[in-house]
N, C-alpha and C. Protein backbone atom coordinates (compact mmCIF):
# COMPACT_ATOMS: atom_id res chain seq x y z
N MET A 1 28.82 37.33 46.85
CA MET A 1 28.38 38.31 45.88
C MET A 1 29.33 39.50 45.88
N GLN A 2 29.31 40.19 44.81
CA GLN A 2 30.20 41.34 44.68
C GLN A 2 29.67 42.58 45.40
N THR A 3 28.41 42.62 45.71
CA THR A 3 27.85 43.81 46.37
C THR A 3 27.96 43.77 47.88
N THR A 4 28.24 42.65 48.47
CA THR A 4 28.33 42.55 49.92
C THR A 4 29.52 43.32 50.48
N ASP A 5 30.57 43.48 49.67
CA ASP A 5 31.71 44.28 50.12
C ASP A 5 31.29 45.73 50.35
N TRP A 6 30.31 46.19 49.69
CA TRP A 6 29.85 47.58 49.83
C TRP A 6 28.74 47.71 50.86
N GLY A 7 28.30 46.56 51.40
CA GLY A 7 27.25 46.60 52.40
C GLY A 7 25.86 46.58 51.79
N VAL A 8 25.76 46.16 50.51
CA VAL A 8 24.46 46.09 49.83
C VAL A 8 24.14 44.62 49.60
N VAL A 9 22.92 44.24 49.99
CA VAL A 9 22.47 42.87 49.78
C VAL A 9 21.40 42.89 48.69
N VAL A 10 21.64 42.15 47.61
CA VAL A 10 20.70 42.09 46.49
C VAL A 10 19.87 40.83 46.65
N THR A 11 18.56 40.99 46.67
CA THR A 11 17.67 39.84 46.82
C THR A 11 16.93 39.51 45.53
N LEU A 12 16.79 40.49 44.63
CA LEU A 12 16.02 40.26 43.42
C LEU A 12 16.54 41.16 42.31
N VAL A 13 16.70 40.59 41.14
CA VAL A 13 17.07 41.37 39.96
C VAL A 13 15.97 41.17 38.94
N GLU A 14 15.45 42.23 38.40
CA GLU A 14 14.33 42.17 37.47
C GLU A 14 14.72 42.90 36.19
N LEU A 15 14.48 42.28 35.05
CA LEU A 15 14.76 42.90 33.75
C LEU A 15 13.44 43.29 33.12
N LYS A 16 13.36 44.50 32.62
CA LYS A 16 12.13 44.99 31.99
C LYS A 16 12.47 45.57 30.63
N ASP A 17 11.49 45.39 29.71
CA ASP A 17 11.56 46.00 28.39
C ASP A 17 12.86 45.65 27.67
N ILE A 18 13.03 44.36 27.43
CA ILE A 18 14.24 43.90 26.73
C ILE A 18 13.99 43.98 25.23
N GLN A 19 14.89 44.56 24.53
CA GLN A 19 14.80 44.70 23.07
C GLN A 19 15.72 43.66 22.43
N LEU A 20 15.13 42.72 21.69
CA LEU A 20 15.92 41.72 20.98
C LEU A 20 15.98 42.10 19.50
N PRO A 21 17.12 41.89 18.89
CA PRO A 21 17.20 42.16 17.45
C PRO A 21 16.30 41.20 16.67
N ASP A 22 15.84 41.64 15.50
CA ASP A 22 14.96 40.81 14.68
C ASP A 22 15.61 39.48 14.30
N SER A 23 16.90 39.49 14.04
CA SER A 23 17.58 38.25 13.67
C SER A 23 17.53 37.25 14.82
N MET A 24 17.65 37.73 16.05
CA MET A 24 17.58 36.86 17.22
C MET A 24 16.16 36.30 17.37
N LYS A 25 15.15 37.14 17.14
CA LYS A 25 13.76 36.68 17.22
C LYS A 25 13.50 35.60 16.18
N ARG A 26 14.01 35.80 14.96
CA ARG A 26 13.81 34.79 13.91
C ARG A 26 14.52 33.49 14.26
N ALA A 27 15.71 33.57 14.81
CA ALA A 27 16.45 32.37 15.20
C ALA A 27 15.71 31.60 16.29
N MET A 28 15.15 32.32 17.25
CA MET A 28 14.39 31.67 18.32
C MET A 28 13.12 31.02 17.76
N ALA A 29 12.48 31.68 16.81
CA ALA A 29 11.27 31.13 16.19
C ALA A 29 11.60 29.86 15.40
N ARG A 30 12.72 29.87 14.67
CA ARG A 30 13.13 28.67 13.92
C ARG A 30 13.42 27.51 14.86
N GLN A 31 14.08 27.81 15.97
CA GLN A 31 14.39 26.76 16.94
C GLN A 31 13.10 26.17 17.52
N ALA A 32 12.14 27.01 17.86
CA ALA A 32 10.87 26.53 18.41
C ALA A 32 10.12 25.69 17.38
N GLU A 33 10.14 26.13 16.12
CA GLU A 33 9.47 25.37 15.05
C GLU A 33 10.14 24.01 14.86
N ALA A 34 11.46 23.97 14.91
CA ALA A 34 12.19 22.70 14.78
C ALA A 34 11.83 21.75 15.91
N GLU A 35 11.68 22.27 17.12
CA GLU A 35 11.29 21.42 18.25
C GLU A 35 9.89 20.86 18.06
N ARG A 36 8.96 21.69 17.57
CA ARG A 36 7.59 21.21 17.32
C ARG A 36 7.58 20.12 16.25
N GLU A 37 8.34 20.32 15.18
CA GLU A 37 8.42 19.32 14.11
C GLU A 37 9.04 18.02 14.62
N LYS A 38 10.04 18.14 15.46
CA LYS A 38 10.69 16.96 16.03
C LYS A 38 9.70 16.15 16.84
N ARG A 39 8.93 16.83 17.71
CA ARG A 39 7.93 16.13 18.53
C ARG A 39 6.87 15.48 17.65
N ALA A 40 6.44 16.18 16.58
CA ALA A 40 5.43 15.63 15.69
C ALA A 40 5.94 14.38 14.98
N LYS A 41 7.20 14.40 14.55
CA LYS A 41 7.77 13.24 13.86
C LYS A 41 7.91 12.06 14.80
N ILE A 42 8.28 12.32 16.03
CA ILE A 42 8.41 11.24 17.02
C ILE A 42 7.05 10.61 17.28
N ILE A 43 6.04 11.44 17.43
CA ILE A 43 4.69 10.92 17.68
C ILE A 43 4.20 10.11 16.48
N ALA A 44 4.44 10.60 15.25
CA ALA A 44 4.03 9.88 14.05
C ALA A 44 4.76 8.54 13.94
N ALA A 45 6.05 8.52 14.26
CA ALA A 45 6.83 7.28 14.18
C ALA A 45 6.33 6.27 15.20
N GLU A 46 6.00 6.73 16.40
CA GLU A 46 5.45 5.82 17.41
C GLU A 46 4.12 5.25 16.94
N GLY A 47 3.29 6.06 16.32
CA GLY A 47 2.01 5.59 15.78
C GLY A 47 2.22 4.55 14.69
N GLU A 48 3.18 4.80 13.80
CA GLU A 48 3.47 3.84 12.73
C GLU A 48 3.97 2.52 13.32
N SER A 49 4.79 2.60 14.34
CA SER A 49 5.30 1.39 14.98
C SER A 49 4.17 0.57 15.60
N LEU A 50 3.27 1.24 16.29
CA LEU A 50 2.13 0.54 16.88
C LEU A 50 1.24 -0.06 15.80
N ALA A 51 1.00 0.70 14.73
CA ALA A 51 0.16 0.19 13.64
C ALA A 51 0.80 -1.02 12.98
N ALA A 52 2.12 -1.00 12.77
CA ALA A 52 2.80 -2.13 12.16
C ALA A 52 2.68 -3.37 13.04
N GLY A 53 2.81 -3.19 14.34
CA GLY A 53 2.66 -4.32 15.26
C GLY A 53 1.26 -4.92 15.21
N GLU A 54 0.26 -4.06 15.17
CA GLU A 54 -1.12 -4.53 15.11
C GLU A 54 -1.40 -5.22 13.78
N LEU A 55 -0.86 -4.67 12.68
CA LEU A 55 -1.05 -5.31 11.38
C LEU A 55 -0.36 -6.67 11.33
N GLY A 56 0.80 -6.77 11.96
CA GLY A 56 1.49 -8.06 12.02
C GLY A 56 0.68 -9.09 12.79
N ALA A 57 0.11 -8.67 13.91
CA ALA A 57 -0.72 -9.58 14.69
C ALA A 57 -1.96 -10.00 13.89
N ALA A 58 -2.56 -9.05 13.18
CA ALA A 58 -3.74 -9.37 12.37
C ALA A 58 -3.38 -10.34 11.25
N SER A 59 -2.23 -10.15 10.62
CA SER A 59 -1.84 -11.07 9.54
C SER A 59 -1.56 -12.46 10.08
N ASP A 60 -0.99 -12.56 11.29
CA ASP A 60 -0.78 -13.87 11.90
C ASP A 60 -2.11 -14.58 12.14
N ILE A 61 -3.10 -13.83 12.60
CA ILE A 61 -4.42 -14.42 12.83
C ILE A 61 -5.03 -14.88 11.51
N MET A 62 -4.90 -14.04 10.47
CA MET A 62 -5.48 -14.40 9.17
C MET A 62 -4.76 -15.59 8.54
N MET A 63 -3.46 -15.74 8.81
CA MET A 63 -2.74 -16.91 8.30
C MET A 63 -3.20 -18.18 9.01
N ALA A 64 -3.52 -18.06 10.28
CA ALA A 64 -3.99 -19.22 11.04
C ALA A 64 -5.43 -19.59 10.65
N HIS A 65 -6.20 -18.61 10.21
CA HIS A 65 -7.60 -18.83 9.84
C HIS A 65 -7.82 -18.27 8.43
N PRO A 66 -7.64 -19.08 7.39
CA PRO A 66 -7.70 -18.59 6.01
C PRO A 66 -9.03 -17.94 5.64
N LEU A 67 -10.12 -18.39 6.24
CA LEU A 67 -11.40 -17.79 5.90
C LEU A 67 -11.55 -16.38 6.46
N ALA A 68 -10.73 -16.03 7.43
CA ALA A 68 -10.80 -14.68 8.00
C ALA A 68 -10.49 -13.63 6.94
N LEU A 69 -9.55 -13.91 6.05
CA LEU A 69 -9.22 -12.96 4.98
C LEU A 69 -10.39 -12.82 4.03
N GLN A 70 -11.03 -13.92 3.67
CA GLN A 70 -12.20 -13.85 2.78
C GLN A 70 -13.32 -13.06 3.43
N LEU A 71 -13.55 -13.30 4.72
CA LEU A 71 -14.59 -12.55 5.44
C LEU A 71 -14.25 -11.06 5.50
N ARG A 72 -12.97 -10.74 5.69
CA ARG A 72 -12.55 -9.33 5.72
C ARG A 72 -12.77 -8.68 4.35
N ASN A 73 -12.48 -9.44 3.28
CA ASN A 73 -12.71 -8.91 1.94
C ASN A 73 -14.20 -8.64 1.71
N LEU A 74 -15.04 -9.56 2.14
CA LEU A 74 -16.48 -9.36 2.00
C LEU A 74 -16.95 -8.17 2.84
N GLN A 75 -16.38 -8.01 4.03
CA GLN A 75 -16.73 -6.87 4.86
C GLN A 75 -16.33 -5.57 4.18
N SER A 76 -15.18 -5.56 3.52
CA SER A 76 -14.74 -4.37 2.78
C SER A 76 -15.72 -4.04 1.67
N LEU A 77 -16.21 -5.08 0.97
CA LEU A 77 -17.20 -4.84 -0.08
C LEU A 77 -18.48 -4.23 0.47
N VAL A 78 -18.91 -4.72 1.62
CA VAL A 78 -20.12 -4.16 2.24
C VAL A 78 -19.89 -2.70 2.59
N GLU A 79 -18.74 -2.37 3.15
CA GLU A 79 -18.44 -0.98 3.52
C GLU A 79 -18.38 -0.08 2.30
N ILE A 80 -17.77 -0.58 1.23
CA ILE A 80 -17.67 0.21 0.01
C ILE A 80 -19.04 0.37 -0.64
N GLY A 81 -19.84 -0.69 -0.60
CA GLY A 81 -21.13 -0.68 -1.26
C GLY A 81 -22.19 0.17 -0.60
N VAL A 82 -21.88 0.82 0.51
CA VAL A 82 -22.87 1.68 1.18
C VAL A 82 -23.25 2.83 0.26
N ASP A 83 -22.31 3.38 -0.46
CA ASP A 83 -22.59 4.45 -1.41
C ASP A 83 -23.15 3.82 -2.69
N LYS A 84 -24.32 4.26 -3.12
CA LYS A 84 -24.97 3.64 -4.26
C LYS A 84 -24.30 3.98 -5.59
N ASN A 85 -23.56 5.05 -5.66
CA ASN A 85 -22.90 5.45 -6.90
C ASN A 85 -21.43 5.08 -6.90
N THR A 86 -21.15 3.85 -6.50
CA THR A 86 -19.76 3.42 -6.37
C THR A 86 -19.48 2.28 -7.34
N THR A 87 -18.37 2.37 -8.03
CA THR A 87 -17.90 1.26 -8.85
C THR A 87 -16.81 0.56 -8.04
N VAL A 88 -16.97 -0.73 -7.83
CA VAL A 88 -16.05 -1.49 -7.01
C VAL A 88 -15.21 -2.39 -7.91
N VAL A 89 -13.91 -2.24 -7.82
CA VAL A 89 -12.98 -3.16 -8.49
C VAL A 89 -12.33 -3.96 -7.37
N PHE A 90 -12.65 -5.24 -7.33
CA PHE A 90 -12.21 -6.07 -6.22
C PHE A 90 -11.25 -7.12 -6.75
N PRO A 91 -10.03 -7.20 -6.20
CA PRO A 91 -9.05 -8.15 -6.72
C PRO A 91 -9.43 -9.59 -6.42
N ALA A 92 -9.24 -10.43 -7.40
CA ALA A 92 -9.43 -11.87 -7.22
C ALA A 92 -8.08 -12.48 -6.89
N PRO A 93 -8.04 -13.72 -6.41
CA PRO A 93 -6.74 -14.36 -6.17
C PRO A 93 -5.95 -14.41 -7.48
N LEU A 94 -4.80 -13.77 -7.49
CA LEU A 94 -4.06 -13.53 -8.72
C LEU A 94 -3.55 -14.81 -9.37
N MET A 95 -2.92 -15.69 -8.63
CA MET A 95 -2.30 -16.85 -9.25
C MET A 95 -3.32 -17.79 -9.86
N SER A 96 -4.42 -18.03 -9.19
CA SER A 96 -5.42 -18.92 -9.77
C SER A 96 -6.03 -18.27 -11.01
N THR A 97 -6.21 -16.96 -11.01
CA THR A 97 -6.77 -16.27 -12.16
C THR A 97 -5.80 -16.35 -13.34
N VAL A 98 -4.51 -16.16 -13.09
CA VAL A 98 -3.52 -16.24 -14.17
C VAL A 98 -3.50 -17.64 -14.74
N GLN A 99 -3.55 -18.65 -13.90
CA GLN A 99 -3.54 -20.03 -14.38
C GLN A 99 -4.80 -20.33 -15.19
N GLU A 100 -5.96 -19.88 -14.71
CA GLU A 100 -7.20 -20.09 -15.45
C GLU A 100 -7.15 -19.37 -16.80
N LEU A 101 -6.65 -18.15 -16.81
CA LEU A 101 -6.54 -17.41 -18.06
C LEU A 101 -5.56 -18.10 -19.00
N GLY A 102 -4.44 -18.58 -18.48
CA GLY A 102 -3.47 -19.30 -19.31
C GLY A 102 -4.07 -20.56 -19.90
N GLY A 103 -4.82 -21.30 -19.11
CA GLY A 103 -5.48 -22.50 -19.61
C GLY A 103 -6.51 -22.17 -20.67
N PHE A 104 -7.28 -21.12 -20.46
CA PHE A 104 -8.27 -20.69 -21.44
C PHE A 104 -7.60 -20.30 -22.76
N LEU A 105 -6.53 -19.50 -22.66
CA LEU A 105 -5.84 -19.06 -23.87
C LEU A 105 -5.17 -20.24 -24.58
N ALA A 106 -4.67 -21.21 -23.83
CA ALA A 106 -4.08 -22.40 -24.45
C ALA A 106 -5.16 -23.19 -25.19
N ARG A 107 -6.33 -23.34 -24.59
CA ARG A 107 -7.44 -24.04 -25.27
C ARG A 107 -7.87 -23.28 -26.51
N GLU A 108 -7.92 -21.96 -26.41
CA GLU A 108 -8.31 -21.15 -27.57
C GLU A 108 -7.27 -21.26 -28.68
N ALA A 109 -5.99 -21.28 -28.33
CA ALA A 109 -4.95 -21.42 -29.35
C ALA A 109 -5.06 -22.76 -30.05
N VAL A 110 -5.35 -23.82 -29.31
CA VAL A 110 -5.55 -25.14 -29.91
C VAL A 110 -6.79 -25.12 -30.79
N ALA A 111 -7.85 -24.47 -30.35
CA ALA A 111 -9.10 -24.42 -31.11
C ALA A 111 -8.91 -23.64 -32.41
N VAL A 112 -8.08 -22.61 -32.42
CA VAL A 112 -7.84 -21.83 -33.64
C VAL A 112 -7.05 -22.64 -34.65
N THR A 113 -6.06 -23.41 -34.18
CA THR A 113 -5.23 -24.18 -35.11
C THR A 113 -5.96 -25.40 -35.64
N THR A 114 -6.81 -26.02 -34.84
CA THR A 114 -7.59 -27.18 -35.28
C THR A 114 -9.04 -26.98 -34.87
N PRO A 115 -9.83 -26.24 -35.69
CA PRO A 115 -11.20 -25.92 -35.28
C PRO A 115 -12.13 -27.13 -35.20
N ALA A 116 -11.86 -28.20 -35.91
CA ALA A 116 -12.77 -29.34 -35.90
C ALA A 116 -12.55 -30.25 -34.70
N ARG A 117 -11.43 -30.10 -34.01
CA ARG A 117 -11.08 -31.01 -32.94
C ARG A 117 -11.03 -30.24 -31.62
N ALA A 118 -11.61 -30.80 -30.57
CA ALA A 118 -11.57 -30.20 -29.24
C ALA A 118 -10.25 -30.57 -28.58
N PRO A 119 -9.79 -29.79 -27.63
CA PRO A 119 -8.55 -30.13 -26.93
C PRO A 119 -8.70 -31.46 -26.20
N SER A 120 -7.66 -32.29 -26.28
CA SER A 120 -7.74 -33.63 -25.71
C SER A 120 -7.44 -33.66 -24.22
N THR A 121 -6.76 -32.63 -23.70
CA THR A 121 -6.41 -32.63 -22.28
C THR A 121 -7.06 -31.43 -21.61
N PRO A 122 -7.53 -31.60 -20.40
CA PRO A 122 -8.10 -30.45 -19.69
C PRO A 122 -7.01 -29.44 -19.33
N ALA A 123 -7.43 -28.21 -19.10
CA ALA A 123 -6.48 -27.12 -18.82
C ALA A 123 -5.70 -27.36 -17.53
N THR A 124 -6.26 -28.09 -16.61
CA THR A 124 -5.56 -28.28 -15.34
C THR A 124 -4.37 -29.21 -15.48
N SER A 125 -4.31 -30.01 -16.58
CA SER A 125 -3.17 -30.91 -16.72
C SER A 125 -2.00 -30.25 -17.45
N ILE A 126 -2.16 -29.02 -17.95
CA ILE A 126 -1.07 -28.32 -18.61
C ILE A 126 -0.14 -27.77 -17.54
N PRO A 127 1.16 -28.04 -17.66
CA PRO A 127 2.09 -27.52 -16.65
C PRO A 127 2.05 -25.99 -16.61
N PRO A 128 2.31 -25.39 -15.44
CA PRO A 128 2.26 -23.93 -15.32
C PRO A 128 3.18 -23.21 -16.28
N ALA A 129 4.38 -23.76 -16.57
CA ALA A 129 5.30 -23.09 -17.49
C ALA A 129 4.69 -22.99 -18.87
N VAL A 130 3.95 -24.04 -19.29
CA VAL A 130 3.30 -24.02 -20.60
C VAL A 130 2.18 -23.01 -20.59
N GLU A 131 1.44 -22.94 -19.48
CA GLU A 131 0.34 -22.00 -19.40
C GLU A 131 0.84 -20.56 -19.51
N VAL A 132 1.93 -20.23 -18.83
CA VAL A 132 2.46 -18.88 -18.89
C VAL A 132 2.94 -18.57 -20.30
N ALA A 133 3.62 -19.54 -20.93
CA ALA A 133 4.09 -19.32 -22.29
C ALA A 133 2.90 -19.13 -23.22
N ALA A 134 1.84 -19.92 -23.04
CA ALA A 134 0.66 -19.77 -23.88
C ALA A 134 0.02 -18.41 -23.63
N THR A 135 0.01 -17.97 -22.39
CA THR A 135 -0.57 -16.67 -22.07
C THR A 135 0.20 -15.56 -22.77
N ASP A 136 1.53 -15.61 -22.69
CA ASP A 136 2.32 -14.56 -23.33
C ASP A 136 2.13 -14.58 -24.83
N ALA A 137 2.12 -15.77 -25.43
CA ALA A 137 1.96 -15.87 -26.86
C ALA A 137 0.57 -15.39 -27.27
N ALA A 138 -0.44 -15.75 -26.51
CA ALA A 138 -1.79 -15.35 -26.87
C ALA A 138 -1.97 -13.85 -26.75
N PHE A 139 -1.38 -13.24 -25.73
CA PHE A 139 -1.51 -11.80 -25.59
C PHE A 139 -0.78 -11.07 -26.70
N ASN A 140 0.31 -11.63 -27.19
CA ASN A 140 1.10 -10.95 -28.20
C ASN A 140 0.59 -11.17 -29.61
N THR A 141 -0.11 -12.28 -29.88
CA THR A 141 -0.46 -12.59 -31.26
C THR A 141 -1.94 -12.70 -31.52
N ALA A 142 -2.77 -12.78 -30.52
CA ALA A 142 -4.20 -13.00 -30.78
C ALA A 142 -5.02 -11.80 -30.37
N GLY A 143 -6.13 -11.61 -31.09
CA GLY A 143 -7.09 -10.58 -30.73
C GLY A 143 -8.03 -11.11 -29.67
N CYS A 144 -9.13 -10.42 -29.44
CA CYS A 144 -10.07 -10.81 -28.39
C CYS A 144 -10.77 -12.12 -28.70
N ASN A 145 -10.99 -12.43 -29.99
CA ASN A 145 -11.73 -13.63 -30.33
C ASN A 145 -10.83 -14.81 -30.66
N GLY A 146 -9.54 -14.74 -30.42
CA GLY A 146 -8.63 -15.84 -30.66
C GLY A 146 -8.03 -15.82 -32.05
N VAL A 147 -8.46 -14.91 -32.91
CA VAL A 147 -7.92 -14.78 -34.25
C VAL A 147 -6.67 -13.91 -34.17
N PRO A 148 -5.60 -14.29 -34.88
CA PRO A 148 -4.38 -13.47 -34.81
C PRO A 148 -4.68 -12.02 -35.15
N ALA A 149 -4.14 -11.14 -34.34
CA ALA A 149 -4.38 -9.71 -34.51
C ALA A 149 -3.56 -9.17 -35.66
N THR A 150 -4.09 -8.18 -36.33
CA THR A 150 -3.35 -7.51 -37.40
C THR A 150 -2.93 -6.14 -36.92
N ARG A 151 -1.79 -5.71 -37.34
CA ARG A 151 -1.30 -4.39 -36.95
C ARG A 151 -1.93 -3.34 -37.86
N PRO A 152 -2.34 -2.21 -37.31
CA PRO A 152 -2.95 -1.15 -38.15
C PRO A 152 -1.91 -0.46 -39.02
C-alpha cells in the first residue's frame, strides 16, 4: 500500500453521501431494466419450449389413439357449454365436409339441368377433382336453391 511508507495502516475505507449525475442514474436504471427484460424473455422462452414438448407428446398420443382427439373435442364442448349464454362454433372434419358439399352441389347441378331425372351415380363415386370443380362452379354460378344467381 502507498500509506505504509508513512507509517499509516489503512484497514477500512468508507464512502458516504455520493452524488451521481442524473444521466448516470438514468443509464444505471436502463441497464437494470434491460437485465429484467432479458431474464423475463429467457423464462418465457423456456416455458414455450416446455409447452411445445408437451404438445408434441400429446399429439403423438392422439395420433396413436384416433378417438382421443374426438374425446378431447367433446371435452372442449363440455367446458365451453358451462356458460349458458354461449354460442359454440365447432369445426367439423374439413376434408370430408368439403367432399360431401361437393357431392351435394354436383347432384344439385345435375338436378337443375335435368329436373325429371335423378342422378345415376352416387356422390361417393365422383372423383375428388370433379367434386372440387363442381363446388367451385356451384359457388360461382348458383344461388342457395341451385338456381343460377343473377347479379344485382
